[in-house]
């Protein structure tokens, strides 16, 4: 499946745009890139419009377990999911992506998702200043 993965250290943002079929190896590559780039705490924008899912229940459980292992702290970034009706109906994908304890919201357009991530980022930064 074609995946465009961009990690912006300046914006503290991970942007993933996917098309075609998504499978467990795709999820693993996306997660590994975030770990290698020290970007787990960054806000994440996943544009999943038009994807087809090829994940078994055991794949979903395995991915959720990996994410949970990395997300042992409260420092995992918010997740904005841009979906269409077909993707929104496939709640198994969304459940796997949102398995961590973090702010998560679904959108149908990118500009609203980006603005929400910016607001969440401001709140998180302010909270860290007061710790």
C-alpha atoms as a PDB file:
ATOM      1  CA  UNK A   1       0.000   0.000   0.000  1.00  0.00           C
ATOM      2  CA  UNK A   2       1.302   3.487  -0.744  1.00  0.00           C
ATOM      3  CA  UNK A   3       2.075   5.323   2.487  1.00  0.00           C
ATOM      4  CA  UNK A   4       3.324   8.880   2.689  1.00  0.00           C
ATOM      5  CA  UNK A   5       4.873   9.262   6.161  1.00  0.00           C
ATOM      6  CA  UNK A   6       6.238  12.644   7.165  1.00  0.00           C
ATOM      7  CA  UNK A   7       7.703  13.512  10.525  1.00  0.00           C
ATOM      8  CA  UNK A   8       8.155  17.212  11.248  1.00  0.00           C
ATOM      9  CA  UNK A   9      10.354  17.851  14.259  1.00  0.00           C
ATOM     10  CA  UNK A  10       9.744  21.600  13.869  1.00  0.00           C
ATOM     11  CA  UNK A  11       5.963  21.190  14.141  1.00  0.00           C
ATOM     12  CA  UNK A  12       6.065  18.130  16.423  1.00  0.00           C
ATOM     13  CA  UNK A  13       3.776  16.367  13.958  1.00  0.00           C
ATOM     14  CA  UNK A  14       3.561  12.986  12.274  1.00  0.00           C
ATOM     15  CA  UNK A  15       1.491  12.981   9.090  1.00  0.00           C
ATOM     16  CA  UNK A  16       0.472   9.727   7.452  1.00  0.00           C
ATOM     17  CA  UNK A  17      -1.489   9.597   4.221  1.00  0.00           C
ATOM     18  CA  UNK A  18      -2.452   6.123   3.120  1.00  0.00           C
ATOM     19  CA  UNK A  19      -4.207   4.699   0.097  1.00  0.00           C
ATOM     20  CA  UNK A  20      -5.034   1.243  -1.130  1.00  0.00           C
ATOM     21  CA  UNK A  21      -4.846  -1.744   1.172  1.00  0.00           C
ATOM     22  CA  UNK A  22      -3.405  -1.482   4.696  1.00  0.00           C
ATOM     23  CA  UNK A  23      -1.941  -4.490   6.507  1.00  0.00           C
ATOM     24  CA  UNK A  24      -0.058  -5.313   9.704  1.00  0.00           C
ATOM     25  CA  UNK A  25       3.359  -4.659   8.142  1.00  0.00           C
ATOM     26  CA  UNK A  26       2.227  -1.132   7.222  1.00  0.00           C
ATOM     27  CA  UNK A  27       1.214  -0.422  10.814  1.00  0.00           C
ATOM     28  CA  UNK A  28       4.545  -1.794  12.027  1.00  0.00           C
ATOM     29  CA  UNK A  29       6.535   0.427   9.627  1.00  0.00           C
ATOM     30  CA  UNK A  30       4.629   3.520  10.721  1.00  0.00           C
ATOM     31  CA  UNK A  31       5.136   2.759  14.417  1.00  0.00           C
ATOM     32  CA  UNK A  32       8.828   1.901  13.978  1.00  0.00           C
ATOM     33  CA  UNK A  33       9.508   5.151  12.112  1.00  0.00           C
ATOM     34  CA  UNK A  34       7.957   7.130  14.986  1.00  0.00           C
ATOM     35  CA  UNK A  35      10.064   5.263  17.541  1.00  0.00           C
ATOM     36  CA  UNK A  36      13.289   5.697  15.541  1.00  0.00           C
ATOM     37  CA  UNK A  37      12.615   9.409  15.053  1.00  0.00           C
ATOM     38  CA  UNK A  38      11.635   9.927  18.722  1.00  0.00           C
ATOM     39  CA  UNK A  39       8.241  11.173  17.532  1.00  0.00           C
ATOM     40  CA  UNK A  40       5.789   9.184  19.679  1.00  0.00           C
ATOM     41  CA  UNK A  41       4.960  12.326  21.656  1.00  0.00           C
ATOM     42  CA  UNK A  42       4.127  14.277  18.492  1.00  0.00           C
ATOM     43  CA  UNK A  43       0.578  14.903  17.337  1.00  0.00           C
ATOM     44  CA  UNK A  44      -0.458  12.487  14.624  1.00  0.00           C
ATOM     45  CA  UNK A  45      -2.566  13.173  11.555  1.00  0.00           C
ATOM     46  CA  UNK A  46      -3.644   9.968   9.797  1.00  0.00           C
ATOM     47  CA  UNK A  47      -5.515  10.477   6.529  1.00  0.00           C
ATOM     48  CA  UNK A  48      -7.159   7.110   5.937  1.00  0.00           C
ATOM     49  CA  UNK A  49      -9.705   8.086   3.309  1.00  0.00           C
ATOM     50  CA  UNK A  50     -10.068   5.412   0.680  1.00  0.00           C
ATOM     51  CA  UNK A  51      -8.106   2.625   2.350  1.00  0.00           C
ATOM     52  CA  UNK A  52      -9.059  -1.034   2.391  1.00  0.00           C
ATOM     53  CA  UNK A  53      -8.219  -3.043   5.500  1.00  0.00           C
ATOM     54  CA  UNK A  54      -6.411  -6.372   5.447  1.00  0.00           C
ATOM     55  CA  UNK A  55      -5.991  -7.049   9.167  1.00  0.00           C
ATOM     56  CA  UNK A  56      -7.007 -10.127  11.088  1.00  0.00           C
ATOM     57  CA  UNK A  57      -8.213  -9.856  14.687  1.00  0.00           C
ATOM     58  CA  UNK A  58      -4.829 -11.226  15.809  1.00  0.00           C
ATOM     59  CA  UNK A  59      -3.040  -8.537  13.738  1.00  0.00           C
ATOM     60  CA  UNK A  60      -5.131  -5.873  15.447  1.00  0.00           C
ATOM     61  CA  UNK A  61      -4.394  -7.280  18.899  1.00  0.00           C
ATOM     62  CA  UNK A  62      -0.670  -7.498  18.129  1.00  0.00           C
ATOM     63  CA  UNK A  63      -0.545  -3.891  16.953  1.00  0.00           C
ATOM     64  CA  UNK A  64      -2.505  -2.684  19.968  1.00  0.00           C
ATOM     65  CA  UNK A  65      -0.044  -4.539  22.213  1.00  0.00           C
ATOM     66  CA  UNK A  66       2.982  -2.958  20.497  1.00  0.00           C
ATOM     67  CA  UNK A  67       1.475   0.483  20.791  1.00  0.00           C
ATOM     68  CA  UNK A  68       0.639  -0.086  24.445  1.00  0.00           C
ATOM     69  CA  UNK A  69       4.232  -1.184  25.123  1.00  0.00           C
ATOM     70  CA  UNK A  70       5.575   2.068  23.687  1.00  0.00           C
ATOM     71  CA  UNK A  71       2.866   4.188  25.288  1.00  0.00           C
ATOM     72  CA  UNK A  72       3.691   3.417  28.900  1.00  0.00           C
ATOM     73  CA  UNK A  73       3.923   7.112  29.718  1.00  0.00           C
ATOM     74  CA  UNK A  74       1.395   9.874  29.244  1.00  0.00           C
ATOM     75  CA  UNK A  75       3.691  11.324  26.592  1.00  0.00           C
ATOM     76  CA  UNK A  76       2.069   9.875  23.475  1.00  0.00           C
ATOM     77  CA  UNK A  77       0.736  12.390  21.006  1.00  0.00           C
ATOM     78  CA  UNK A  78      -2.859  13.101  20.132  1.00  0.00           C
ATOM     79  CA  UNK A  79      -4.332  11.336  17.113  1.00  0.00           C
ATOM     80  CA  UNK A  80      -6.498  13.010  14.460  1.00  0.00           C
ATOM     81  CA  UNK A  81      -8.033  10.535  12.012  1.00  0.00           C
ATOM     82  CA  UNK A  82      -9.322  11.829   8.686  1.00  0.00           C
ATOM     83  CA  UNK A  83     -11.782   9.256   7.390  1.00  0.00           C
ATOM     84  CA  UNK A  84     -14.507   8.769   4.840  1.00  0.00           C
ATOM     85  CA  UNK A  85     -17.703   6.796   5.397  1.00  0.00           C
ATOM     86  CA  UNK A  86     -16.130   3.477   4.383  1.00  0.00           C
ATOM     87  CA  UNK A  87     -13.138   3.898   6.707  1.00  0.00           C
ATOM     88  CA  UNK A  88     -15.329   5.203   9.504  1.00  0.00           C
ATOM     89  CA  UNK A  89     -17.418   2.055   9.218  1.00  0.00           C
ATOM     90  CA  UNK A  90     -14.323  -0.109   9.723  1.00  0.00           C
ATOM     91  CA  UNK A  91     -13.995   0.539  13.424  1.00  0.00           C
ATOM     92  CA  UNK A  92     -11.359  -2.206  13.816  1.00  0.00           C
ATOM     93  CA  UNK A  93      -8.717  -0.014  12.157  1.00  0.00           C
ATOM     94  CA  UNK A  94      -9.664   2.977  14.240  1.00  0.00           C
ATOM     95  CA  UNK A  95      -9.630   0.927  17.431  1.00  0.00           C
ATOM     96  CA  UNK A  96      -6.106  -0.305  16.682  1.00  0.00           C
ATOM     97  CA  UNK A  97      -4.813   3.190  16.007  1.00  0.00           C
ATOM     98  CA  UNK A  98      -6.476   4.674  19.066  1.00  0.00           C
ATOM     99  CA  UNK A  99      -5.449   1.908  21.473  1.00  0.00           C
ATOM    100  CA  UNK A 100      -3.214   4.210  23.514  1.00  0.00           C
ATOM    101  CA  UNK A 101      -4.423   6.544  26.242  1.00  0.00           C
ATOM    102  CA  UNK A 102      -4.409   9.860  24.364  1.00  0.00           C
ATOM    103  CA  UNK A 103      -6.724  12.422  22.825  1.00  0.00           C
ATOM    104  CA  UNK A 104      -8.237  11.004  19.648  1.00  0.00           C
ATOM    105  CA  UNK A 105     -10.834  12.448  17.299  1.00  0.00           C
ATOM    106  CA  UNK A 106     -12.201  11.623  13.837  1.00  0.00           C
ATOM    107  CA  UNK A 107     -12.658  14.187  11.076  1.00  0.00           C
ATOM    108  CA  UNK A 108     -13.862  14.202   7.497  1.00  0.00           C
ATOM    109  CA  UNK A 109     -11.506  16.959   6.341  1.00  0.00           C
ATOM    110  CA  UNK A 110      -7.847  17.718   6.915  1.00  0.00           C
ATOM    111  CA  UNK A 111      -7.983  21.438   7.846  1.00  0.00           C
ATOM    112  CA  UNK A 112     -10.225  20.765  10.870  1.00  0.00           C
ATOM    113  CA  UNK A 113      -7.998  17.876  11.950  1.00  0.00           C
ATOM    114  CA  UNK A 114      -4.881  20.055  11.737  1.00  0.00           C
ATOM    115  CA  UNK A 115      -6.513  22.860  13.732  1.00  0.00           C
ATOM    116  CA  UNK A 116      -7.602  20.396  16.435  1.00  0.00           C
ATOM    117  CA  UNK A 117      -4.046  19.023  16.687  1.00  0.00           C
ATOM    118  CA  UNK A 118      -2.692  22.578  17.025  1.00  0.00           C
ATOM    119  CA  UNK A 119      -5.117  23.291  19.869  1.00  0.00           C
ATOM    120  CA  UNK A 120      -4.216  20.042  21.645  1.00  0.00           C
ATOM    121  CA  UNK A 121      -0.507  20.800  21.216  1.00  0.00           C
ATOM    122  CA  UNK A 122      -0.934  24.245  22.803  1.00  0.00           C
ATOM    123  CA  UNK A 123      -2.787  22.734  25.766  1.00  0.00           C
ATOM    124  CA  UNK A 124      -0.124  20.057  26.264  1.00  0.00           C
ATOM    125  CA  UNK A 125       2.715  22.584  26.099  1.00  0.00           C
ATOM    126  CA  UNK A 126       0.988  24.848  28.600  1.00  0.00           C
ATOM    127  CA  UNK A 127       0.421  21.925  30.966  1.00  0.00           C
ATOM    128  CA  UNK A 128       4.119  20.975  30.772  1.00  0.00           C
ATOM    129  CA  UNK A 129       5.108  24.543  31.631  1.00  0.00           C
ATOM    130  CA  UNK A 130       3.051  24.307  34.827  1.00  0.00           C
ATOM    131  CA  UNK A 131       4.435  20.938  35.948  1.00  0.00           C
END
